Protein backbone atom coordinates (compact mmCIF):
# COMPACT_ATOMS: atom_id res chain seq x y z
CA MET A 1 91.48 119.83 151.08
CA SER A 2 89.55 122.90 152.23
CA GLU A 3 87.87 125.53 150.16
CA GLU A 4 88.82 129.18 150.49
CA PRO A 5 86.13 131.39 152.06
CA PHE A 6 84.27 133.90 149.91
CA ARG A 7 85.43 136.78 152.10
CA PRO A 8 88.28 137.09 154.56
CA ARG A 9 87.28 136.55 158.18
CA GLU A 10 88.36 140.09 159.10
CA LYS A 11 85.91 141.60 156.61
CA LEU A 12 83.08 139.46 158.00
CA VAL A 13 83.84 140.52 161.56
CA GLU A 14 83.98 144.17 160.46
CA LYS A 15 80.60 143.92 158.71
CA GLN A 16 79.06 142.14 161.72
CA ARG A 17 80.27 144.90 164.04
CA PHE A 18 78.84 147.56 161.73
CA PHE A 19 75.40 145.95 161.42
CA GLN A 20 75.20 145.20 165.13
CA SER A 21 76.08 148.77 166.06
CA VAL A 22 73.47 150.44 163.81
CA HIS A 23 70.30 151.13 165.78
CA LYS A 24 67.77 151.03 162.95
CA HIS A 25 65.19 148.49 161.86
CA THR A 26 66.69 145.33 160.43
CA TYR A 27 65.35 145.98 156.93
CA LEU A 28 66.90 149.49 156.73
CA LYS A 29 70.49 148.76 157.80
CA GLY A 30 72.19 148.49 154.40
CA PRO A 31 73.10 151.38 152.12
CA PHE A 32 70.48 150.64 149.43
CA ASP A 33 67.77 149.23 151.69
CA LYS A 34 65.70 152.41 151.65
CA ILE A 35 65.30 152.00 147.89
CA THR A 36 64.19 148.37 148.02
CA SER A 37 62.14 148.54 151.22
CA VAL A 38 60.50 151.94 150.88
CA ALA A 39 60.77 153.56 147.43
CA ILE A 40 59.84 150.59 145.22
CA PRO A 41 56.72 149.59 147.23
CA LEU A 42 55.60 153.23 147.36
CA ALA A 43 56.06 153.56 143.60
CA LEU A 44 54.07 150.37 142.97
CA ALA A 45 51.28 151.46 145.32
CA GLY A 46 51.16 154.92 143.71
CA SER A 47 50.95 153.55 140.18
CA CYS A 48 48.25 151.05 141.23
CA LEU A 49 46.16 153.79 142.84
CA TYR A 50 46.56 155.94 139.72
CA MET A 51 45.42 153.12 137.41
CA ILE A 52 42.48 152.24 139.66
CA GLY A 53 41.41 155.90 139.76
CA ARG A 54 41.75 156.22 136.00
CA GLY A 55 39.69 153.07 135.47
CA ILE A 56 36.91 154.29 137.77
CA TYR A 57 36.89 157.68 136.03
CA ASN A 58 36.73 156.05 132.57
CA MET A 59 33.91 153.70 133.65
CA SER A 60 31.87 156.50 135.18
CA HIS A 61 32.17 158.65 132.05
CA GLY A 62 31.87 155.83 129.51
CA ILE A 63 35.28 156.46 127.98
CA GLY A 64 37.23 153.71 126.18
CA LYS A 65 34.42 151.22 125.65
CA LYS A 66 34.82 148.56 122.99
CA GLU A 67 31.89 148.27 120.64
């Protein structure tokens, strides 16, 4: 009793050929990899820098203090 594979062997061989033929970095080979490897970290870093800058500005001007 054997279990059916998730994908046909031909599809796996086709995908392997595609990924082995692409001459990019390993983390940028898929179609949506630029979003997960580049855009999301840049967005997180940008928002962190914005919040840090806003906090420093508020502290230096005494804005938003709790009494």
